[in-house]
Amino acid sequence: MIRVLLADDQVLVRGGFRALLDCQPDIEVVGEADDGEQAVELTCRLVPDVVLMDIR
């Protein structure tokens, strides 16, 4: 299972990625962050394999 954290300030973008990833049997979305500070905190706490983030 690949554990993914989504980080984007736009709720619709995160929702779109979540909908796409939730359909994959070997991927689990473990959390969502709406800013960089929250992304760092969740990454430390949840220890995902991959973080998908908006760089702006």
Protein backbone atom coordinates (compact mmCIF):
# COMPACT_ATOMS: atom_id res chain seq x y z
CA MET A 1 0.00 0.00 0.00
CA ILE A 2 1.34 3.43 -0.99
CA ARG A 3 0.46 6.08 1.59
CA VAL A 4 -0.15 9.54 0.07
CA LEU A 5 -0.54 12.99 1.62
CA LEU A 6 -2.23 15.68 -0.49
CA ALA A 7 -1.16 19.31 -0.04
CA ASP A 8 -2.88 22.11 -1.96
CA ASP A 9 -4.62 25.31 -0.92
CA GLN A 10 -7.52 24.66 -3.31
CA VAL A 11 -10.15 22.31 -1.89
CA LEU A 12 -11.40 21.32 -5.36
CA VAL A 13 -7.92 20.28 -6.49
CA ARG A 14 -7.39 18.16 -3.38
CA GLY A 15 -10.84 16.64 -3.85
CA GLY A 16 -10.09 15.78 -7.47
CA PHE A 17 -6.83 14.08 -6.59
CA ARG A 18 -8.50 12.23 -3.71
CA ALA A 19 -11.31 10.98 -5.98
CA LEU A 20 -8.77 9.72 -8.50
CA LEU A 21 -6.49 8.11 -5.93
CA ASP A 22 -9.32 6.55 -3.91
CA CYS A 23 -10.14 4.42 -6.99
CA GLN A 24 -6.70 2.80 -6.88
CA PRO A 25 -6.56 -0.38 -4.78
CA ASP A 26 -2.88 0.02 -3.85
CA ILE A 27 -3.01 3.71 -2.82
CA GLU A 28 -4.29 5.15 0.46
CA VAL A 29 -4.72 8.91 0.99
CA VAL A 30 -3.66 9.32 4.62
CA GLY A 31 -4.23 13.06 4.92
CA GLU A 32 -4.82 16.45 3.33
CA ALA A 33 -3.16 19.79 4.05
CA ASP A 34 -4.23 23.23 2.88
CA ASP A 35 -0.91 25.01 3.45
CA GLY A 36 2.80 24.27 3.72
CA GLU A 37 2.95 24.47 7.49
CA GLN A 38 0.17 21.92 7.87
CA ALA A 39 1.79 19.72 5.21
CA VAL A 40 5.04 19.57 7.20
CA GLU A 41 3.19 18.80 10.44
CA LEU A 42 1.10 16.04 8.84
CA THR A 43 4.13 14.57 7.06
CA CYS A 44 5.96 14.26 10.38
CA ARG A 45 2.91 12.78 12.11
CA LEU A 46 1.53 10.50 9.37
CA VAL A 47 4.81 9.51 7.61
CA PRO A 48 3.38 9.11 4.08
CA ASP A 49 5.37 7.44 1.29
CA VAL A 50 4.53 10.27 -1.14
CA VAL A 51 3.44 13.91 -0.76
CA LEU A 52 1.59 15.42 -3.73
CA MET A 53 1.78 19.20 -3.38
CA ASP A 54 1.22 22.47 -5.15
CA ILE A 55 4.52 24.38 -5.25
CA ARG A 56 2.99 27.87 -5.19
